[in-house]
Every structure is written in C-alpha cells, then in structure tokens.
N, C-alpha and C. Protein backbone atom coordinates (compact mmCIF):
# COMPACT_ATOMS: atom_id res chain seq x y z
N MET A 1 -14.01 50.02 0.12
CA MET A 1 -14.69 48.84 -0.33
C MET A 1 -15.02 47.99 0.88
N LYS A 2 -16.21 47.46 0.91
CA LYS A 2 -16.65 46.65 2.04
C LYS A 2 -16.21 45.21 1.85
N THR A 3 -15.94 44.55 2.96
CA THR A 3 -15.59 43.14 2.90
C THR A 3 -16.86 42.31 2.91
N VAL A 4 -16.81 41.22 2.19
CA VAL A 4 -17.97 40.34 2.08
C VAL A 4 -17.90 39.31 3.21
N PRO A 5 -18.95 39.18 3.99
CA PRO A 5 -18.94 38.18 5.06
C PRO A 5 -18.86 36.76 4.50
N ASP A 6 -18.26 35.90 5.26
CA ASP A 6 -18.12 34.51 4.84
C ASP A 6 -19.49 33.84 4.74
N GLY A 7 -19.65 32.99 3.78
CA GLY A 7 -20.86 32.20 3.65
C GLY A 7 -21.93 32.81 2.76
N ILE A 8 -21.71 33.99 2.23
CA ILE A 8 -22.75 34.61 1.41
C ILE A 8 -22.80 33.97 0.03
N PHE A 9 -21.65 33.77 -0.60
CA PHE A 9 -21.64 33.25 -1.95
C PHE A 9 -21.37 31.75 -2.02
N LYS A 10 -21.06 31.15 -0.91
CA LYS A 10 -20.82 29.71 -0.89
C LYS A 10 -22.15 28.99 -0.62
N PRO A 11 -22.44 27.96 -1.39
CA PRO A 11 -23.67 27.22 -1.11
C PRO A 11 -23.52 26.46 0.20
N LYS A 12 -24.57 26.49 0.98
CA LYS A 12 -24.55 25.79 2.25
C LYS A 12 -24.93 24.33 2.00
N PRO A 13 -24.18 23.41 2.56
CA PRO A 13 -24.50 22.00 2.35
C PRO A 13 -25.81 21.63 3.05
N ASN A 14 -26.57 20.76 2.39
CA ASN A 14 -27.81 20.32 3.02
C ASN A 14 -27.51 19.20 4.01
N SER A 15 -28.52 18.74 4.70
CA SER A 15 -28.30 17.78 5.77
C SER A 15 -27.81 16.43 5.24
N SER A 16 -28.25 16.03 4.03
CA SER A 16 -27.79 14.75 3.50
C SER A 16 -26.31 14.81 3.15
N GLU A 17 -25.82 15.96 2.69
CA GLU A 17 -24.40 16.11 2.41
C GLU A 17 -23.59 16.08 3.70
N LEU A 18 -24.13 16.69 4.74
CA LEU A 18 -23.43 16.68 6.02
C LEU A 18 -23.34 15.25 6.56
N LYS A 19 -24.40 14.47 6.43
CA LYS A 19 -24.40 13.09 6.92
C LYS A 19 -23.44 12.23 6.11
N SER A 20 -23.41 12.41 4.80
CA SER A 20 -22.51 11.61 3.98
C SER A 20 -21.05 11.98 4.26
N ASP A 21 -20.79 13.26 4.49
CA ASP A 21 -19.43 13.67 4.83
C ASP A 21 -19.01 13.07 6.17
N LEU A 22 -19.91 13.07 7.11
CA LEU A 22 -19.62 12.50 8.42
C LEU A 22 -19.36 11.00 8.28
N THR A 23 -20.19 10.32 7.51
CA THR A 23 -20.03 8.88 7.30
C THR A 23 -18.70 8.57 6.63
N THR A 24 -18.36 9.35 5.63
CA THR A 24 -17.09 9.16 4.93
C THR A 24 -15.91 9.37 5.86
N ARG A 25 -15.96 10.42 6.65
CA ARG A 25 -14.88 10.73 7.57
C ARG A 25 -14.71 9.62 8.62
N VAL A 26 -15.81 9.14 9.17
CA VAL A 26 -15.75 8.09 10.18
C VAL A 26 -15.23 6.79 9.56
N ALA A 27 -15.70 6.46 8.36
CA ALA A 27 -15.26 5.24 7.69
C ALA A 27 -13.76 5.30 7.42
N ARG A 28 -13.27 6.44 7.00
CA ARG A 28 -11.84 6.58 6.73
C ARG A 28 -11.02 6.47 8.01
N GLN A 29 -11.55 7.02 9.10
CA GLN A 29 -10.85 6.90 10.38
C GLN A 29 -10.75 5.43 10.80
N ILE A 30 -11.84 4.69 10.63
CA ILE A 30 -11.84 3.27 10.99
C ILE A 30 -10.84 2.52 10.12
N LEU A 31 -10.88 2.75 8.82
CA LEU A 31 -9.96 2.06 7.91
C LEU A 31 -8.51 2.41 8.18
N ASP A 32 -8.25 3.68 8.46
CA ASP A 32 -6.88 4.09 8.78
C ASP A 32 -6.40 3.44 10.07
N GLY A 33 -7.28 3.34 11.05
CA GLY A 33 -6.93 2.68 12.31
C GLY A 33 -6.62 1.21 12.10
N GLU A 34 -7.44 0.53 11.30
CA GLU A 34 -7.21 -0.89 11.00
C GLU A 34 -5.90 -1.08 10.24
N LYS A 35 -5.61 -0.17 9.32
CA LYS A 35 -4.37 -0.26 8.56
C LYS A 35 -3.17 -0.09 9.48
N ALA A 36 -3.25 0.85 10.40
CA ALA A 36 -2.14 1.07 11.33
C ALA A 36 -1.93 -0.16 12.22
N GLU A 37 -3.03 -0.76 12.69
CA GLU A 37 -2.92 -1.96 13.51
C GLU A 37 -2.31 -3.11 12.72
N ARG A 38 -2.75 -3.27 11.47
CA ARG A 38 -2.24 -4.34 10.61
C ARG A 38 -0.75 -4.16 10.36
N GLU A 39 -0.31 -2.94 10.08
CA GLU A 39 1.10 -2.69 9.82
C GLU A 39 1.94 -2.90 11.08
N ALA A 40 1.40 -2.53 12.25
CA ALA A 40 2.12 -2.74 13.50
C ALA A 40 2.26 -4.23 13.78
N LYS A 41 1.21 -5.00 13.54
CA LYS A 41 1.26 -6.45 13.75
C LYS A 41 2.25 -7.09 12.79
N THR A 42 2.23 -6.66 11.54
CA THR A 42 3.15 -7.21 10.55
C THR A 42 4.59 -6.94 10.96
N GLU A 43 4.88 -5.75 11.41
CA GLU A 43 6.24 -5.40 11.83
C GLU A 43 6.65 -6.22 13.05
N ARG A 44 5.72 -6.39 14.01
CA ARG A 44 6.01 -7.17 15.21
C ARG A 44 6.31 -8.62 14.84
N LEU A 45 5.51 -9.20 13.95
CA LEU A 45 5.73 -10.58 13.53
C LEU A 45 7.02 -10.72 12.73
N ARG A 46 7.35 -9.73 11.92
CA ARG A 46 8.60 -9.76 11.16
C ARG A 46 9.80 -9.78 12.10
N GLN A 47 9.75 -8.91 13.13
CA GLN A 47 10.85 -8.87 14.09
C GLN A 47 10.97 -10.19 14.84
N ALA A 48 9.84 -10.79 15.21
CA ALA A 48 9.86 -12.08 15.90
C ALA A 48 10.45 -13.17 15.00
N ARG A 49 10.07 -13.18 13.73
CA ARG A 49 10.59 -14.17 12.79
C ARG A 49 12.09 -14.02 12.62
N LEU A 50 12.56 -12.79 12.46
CA LEU A 50 13.99 -12.56 12.29
C LEU A 50 14.77 -12.98 13.54
N ALA A 51 14.22 -12.72 14.72
CA ALA A 51 14.87 -13.13 15.96
C ALA A 51 14.91 -14.65 16.05
N ARG A 52 13.82 -15.31 15.67
CA ARG A 52 13.77 -16.76 15.72
C ARG A 52 14.78 -17.36 14.73
N GLU A 53 14.87 -16.80 13.53
CA GLU A 53 15.82 -17.30 12.54
C GLU A 53 17.25 -17.10 12.99
N THR A 54 17.53 -15.97 13.63
CA THR A 54 18.87 -15.70 14.13
C THR A 54 19.23 -16.67 15.24
N ALA A 55 18.29 -16.93 16.14
CA ALA A 55 18.54 -17.87 17.23
C ALA A 55 18.73 -19.29 16.69
N ALA A 56 17.96 -19.66 15.71
CA ALA A 56 18.07 -21.00 15.13
C ALA A 56 19.41 -21.16 14.41
N ALA A 57 19.85 -20.13 13.73
CA ALA A 57 21.13 -20.19 13.01
C ALA A 57 22.29 -20.27 14.00
N ALA A 58 22.18 -19.59 15.12
CA ALA A 58 23.24 -19.62 16.12
C ALA A 58 23.27 -20.95 16.85
N ALA A 59 22.12 -21.59 17.03
CA ALA A 59 22.04 -22.84 17.77
C ALA A 59 22.49 -24.03 16.93
N THR A 60 22.35 -23.95 15.64
CA THR A 60 22.70 -25.06 14.76
C THR A 60 24.19 -24.99 14.45
N PRO A 61 24.96 -26.04 14.82
CA PRO A 61 26.39 -25.99 14.49
C PRO A 61 26.58 -26.21 13.00
N ALA A 62 27.60 -25.57 12.49
CA ALA A 62 27.89 -25.70 11.07
C ALA A 62 28.49 -27.08 10.82
N LYS A 63 28.02 -27.77 9.81
CA LYS A 63 28.54 -29.09 9.47
C LYS A 63 29.82 -28.91 8.67
N PRO A 64 30.84 -29.69 9.03
CA PRO A 64 32.06 -29.60 8.23
C PRO A 64 31.83 -30.27 6.87
N LYS A 65 32.50 -29.76 5.88
CA LYS A 65 32.34 -30.34 4.55
C LYS A 65 32.98 -31.72 4.52
N ALA A 66 32.32 -32.63 3.86
CA ALA A 66 32.87 -33.97 3.72
C ALA A 66 34.01 -33.91 2.71
N VAL A 67 35.11 -34.52 3.07
CA VAL A 67 36.26 -34.52 2.19
C VAL A 67 36.25 -35.83 1.43
N ARG A 68 36.22 -35.72 0.15
CA ARG A 68 36.22 -36.93 -0.68
C ARG A 68 37.65 -37.37 -0.95
N ALA A 69 37.83 -38.67 -0.91
CA ALA A 69 39.15 -39.20 -1.21
C ALA A 69 39.34 -39.18 -2.71
N LYS A 70 40.52 -38.83 -3.12
CA LYS A 70 40.80 -38.80 -4.55
C LYS A 70 41.02 -40.23 -5.04
N ARG A 71 40.49 -40.54 -6.15
CA ARG A 71 40.69 -41.86 -6.74
C ARG A 71 42.01 -41.86 -7.51
N ARG A 72 42.72 -42.93 -7.32
CA ARG A 72 43.95 -43.06 -8.06
C ARG A 72 43.67 -43.90 -9.29
N ALA A 73 44.22 -43.52 -10.35
CA ALA A 73 44.05 -44.30 -11.58
C ALA A 73 44.83 -45.59 -11.45
N ALA A 74 44.20 -46.69 -11.79
CA ALA A 74 44.86 -47.99 -11.70
C ALA A 74 45.91 -48.10 -12.79
N ALA A 75 47.10 -48.42 -12.40
CA ALA A 75 48.19 -48.53 -13.37
C ALA A 75 48.24 -49.95 -13.91
N GLY A 76 48.11 -50.07 -15.13
CA GLY A 76 48.41 -51.35 -15.69
C GLY A 76 47.44 -52.03 -16.46
C-alpha cells in the first residue's frame, strides 16, 4: 500500500486565513507579554508593601495598656 503525501486531502488555507492567523498569534503574544509584565509589577509592589508594613510595625513601639483603677463602693 502506498503512503499518501501530506497536504493532498487537507484544504490549503487561503491568504486571508493566513493573515488572520498571523494577526491572532501576534495579538496573543502582545497580550501575554502585557499580562506577564502586569503580574511582575503587582508582585514587586506587593513585596514592597509587605516590607514597608513590616518596617513600620517594627519601628512603632507597642503602647502599654492603660490600667484602670478599680472603683471602690462607697460604704454608708
């Protein structure tokens, strides 16, 4: 039995399909790149915020609790 060469039974895409595929692929690459940049920036800002909060918590001394005097009931 003979082997069938590739491309005989598959329809060949026309030029408009090739252009739309190229456009779609390029658009997805751009969007994926923007998404990666956005996620990297978000992570960088999150780390900076956590570091700032940690430094602020360490710099602020803890306030001692105010001790209230107990009231004595007046006798009489």
